[in-house]
């Protein structure tokens, strides 16, 4: 069983893939990557982002995919980039399984009640890792 957790930061989608083996062990796979877009005003780059993410999803074959939800009403420094919502929309258009939006507060509450068995390979992947683990349950 595989799950994908995605955190969107500015113009990047940070994707973490976790896999549970037959013995119930959960590990982060080497399929965990970043996808970015340099200029979201150029249709060819938007299509390239879409194609890359859809190809990754197809090859991974996850049972659940989730995105860390962001507050559209944020103000100032905490305000998400408009480009990040464009990336979110592109990812949500994947049509083979539903892509879930999960609030970070949901994963925080989950880990208050459940032990965190591992950590992400890289610090920048932590939120995506937590989401992928939450989706595994």
Protein backbone atom coordinates (compact mmCIF):
# COMPACT_ATOMS: atom_id res chain seq x y z
CA UNK A 1 0.00 0.00 0.00
CA UNK A 2 1.30 3.45 -0.93
CA UNK A 3 0.14 6.93 0.01
CA UNK A 4 1.25 10.32 -1.26
CA UNK A 5 1.39 13.47 0.84
CA UNK A 6 1.92 16.79 -0.91
CA UNK A 7 2.82 20.15 0.54
CA UNK A 8 2.68 23.13 -1.78
CA UNK A 9 5.10 25.97 -1.10
CA UNK A 10 5.11 28.93 -3.46
CA UNK A 11 5.87 27.42 -6.90
CA UNK A 12 6.79 23.90 -5.73
CA UNK A 13 4.85 20.78 -4.86
CA UNK A 14 6.80 18.66 -2.36
CA UNK A 15 5.68 15.05 -2.70
CA UNK A 16 6.41 12.29 -0.17
CA UNK A 17 5.54 8.67 -0.92
CA UNK A 18 5.19 6.20 1.93
CA UNK A 19 4.81 2.48 1.46
CA UNK A 20 3.57 -0.14 3.92
CA UNK A 21 4.98 -3.63 3.41
CA UNK A 22 3.28 -6.94 4.23
CA UNK A 23 4.76 -6.87 7.76
CA UNK A 24 3.22 -3.44 8.43
CA UNK A 25 6.51 -1.52 8.23
CA UNK A 26 6.19 1.98 6.75
CA UNK A 27 9.04 3.57 4.84
CA UNK A 28 9.60 6.59 2.64
CA UNK A 29 10.34 5.58 -0.94
CA UNK A 30 12.79 7.09 -3.40
CA UNK A 31 9.77 8.29 -5.40
CA UNK A 32 9.54 11.30 -3.06
CA UNK A 33 10.38 14.39 -5.16
CA UNK A 34 9.70 18.08 -5.77
CA UNK A 35 7.86 19.38 -8.79
CA UNK A 36 8.08 23.03 -9.67
CA UNK A 37 6.93 25.55 -12.19
CA UNK A 38 9.14 28.47 -13.21
CA UNK A 39 6.60 30.65 -15.00
CA UNK A 40 2.94 29.83 -14.37
CA UNK A 41 1.87 32.29 -17.08
CA UNK A 42 3.31 30.06 -19.81
CA UNK A 43 0.83 27.35 -20.89
CA UNK A 44 3.59 24.93 -21.88
CA UNK A 45 5.04 25.03 -18.35
CA UNK A 46 1.61 24.51 -16.79
CA UNK A 47 1.03 21.50 -19.07
CA UNK A 48 4.51 20.18 -18.26
CA UNK A 49 3.79 20.40 -14.52
CA UNK A 50 0.46 18.61 -15.02
CA UNK A 51 2.06 15.87 -17.12
CA UNK A 52 4.93 15.33 -14.66
CA UNK A 53 2.65 15.03 -11.64
CA UNK A 54 0.14 12.78 -13.44
CA UNK A 55 2.93 10.52 -14.72
CA UNK A 56 4.34 10.26 -11.20
CA UNK A 57 0.92 9.41 -9.76
CA UNK A 58 0.36 6.77 -12.46
CA UNK A 59 3.74 5.10 -11.88
CA UNK A 60 3.42 5.14 -8.08
CA UNK A 61 -0.08 3.68 -7.99
CA UNK A 62 -0.99 5.11 -4.58
CA UNK A 63 -4.25 4.20 -2.85
CA UNK A 64 -4.60 7.71 -1.37
CA UNK A 65 -3.25 11.12 -2.31
CA UNK A 66 -3.55 14.22 -0.14
CA UNK A 67 -2.52 17.86 -0.18
CA UNK A 68 -1.84 19.89 2.95
CA UNK A 69 -4.65 22.47 2.81
CA UNK A 70 -3.78 26.17 2.96
CA UNK A 71 -5.90 29.03 4.18
CA UNK A 72 -7.09 31.06 1.22
CA UNK A 73 -7.92 33.95 3.55
CA UNK A 74 -4.42 34.28 5.01
CA UNK A 75 -2.96 37.77 5.26
CA UNK A 76 0.58 39.12 5.11
CA UNK A 77 3.53 36.74 5.51
CA UNK A 78 1.21 33.78 6.17
CA UNK A 79 -0.69 34.29 2.94
CA UNK A 80 -0.27 31.46 0.41
CA UNK A 81 0.97 32.37 -3.03
CA UNK A 82 -1.71 32.62 -5.75
CA UNK A 83 0.48 30.31 -7.83
CA UNK A 84 0.23 27.66 -5.11
CA UNK A 85 -3.55 27.53 -5.63
CA UNK A 86 -2.99 27.04 -9.34
CA UNK A 87 -0.71 24.08 -8.59
CA UNK A 88 -3.28 22.70 -6.15
CA UNK A 89 -5.99 22.88 -8.80
CA UNK A 90 -3.81 21.12 -11.37
CA UNK A 91 -3.04 18.33 -8.89
CA UNK A 92 -6.72 17.98 -7.94
CA UNK A 93 -7.60 17.38 -11.61
CA UNK A 94 -5.94 13.96 -11.46
CA UNK A 95 -8.82 11.69 -12.42
CA UNK A 96 -7.79 8.17 -11.38
CA UNK A 97 -8.40 8.67 -7.64
CA UNK A 98 -9.69 11.59 -5.60
CA UNK A 99 -7.06 13.96 -4.23
CA UNK A 100 -7.94 14.92 -0.65
CA UNK A 101 -7.33 18.25 1.06
CA UNK A 102 -6.32 17.79 4.70
CA UNK A 103 -5.72 20.61 7.17
CA UNK A 104 -2.37 20.60 8.97
CA UNK A 105 -4.29 20.84 12.25
CA UNK A 106 -5.77 17.42 11.45
CA UNK A 107 -2.34 15.79 11.25
CA UNK A 108 -1.18 17.65 14.37
CA UNK A 109 -4.17 16.28 16.30
CA UNK A 110 -3.56 12.80 14.88
CA UNK A 111 0.05 12.74 16.11
CA UNK A 112 -0.99 13.95 19.57
CA UNK A 113 -2.91 10.67 19.89
CA UNK A 114 -0.63 8.41 17.82
CA UNK A 115 3.11 7.87 17.96
CA UNK A 116 5.16 9.19 15.06
CA UNK A 117 7.15 6.11 14.01
CA UNK A 118 9.62 7.85 11.72
CA UNK A 119 10.70 11.12 10.21
CA UNK A 120 11.06 12.46 6.70
CA UNK A 121 14.37 11.99 4.92
CA UNK A 122 14.67 15.78 4.56
CA UNK A 123 13.42 18.56 6.84
CA UNK A 124 11.55 20.32 4.01
CA UNK A 125 9.45 17.15 3.54
CA UNK A 126 8.08 16.97 7.10
CA UNK A 127 4.52 18.23 6.48
CA UNK A 128 4.11 16.08 3.37
CA UNK A 129 5.52 13.07 5.27
CA UNK A 130 3.09 13.60 8.16
CA UNK A 131 0.18 13.83 5.74
CA UNK A 132 1.22 10.67 3.86
CA UNK A 133 1.50 8.83 7.19
CA UNK A 134 -1.91 10.11 8.31
CA UNK A 135 -3.42 8.88 5.03
CA UNK A 136 -1.90 5.45 5.65
CA UNK A 137 -4.14 4.94 8.70
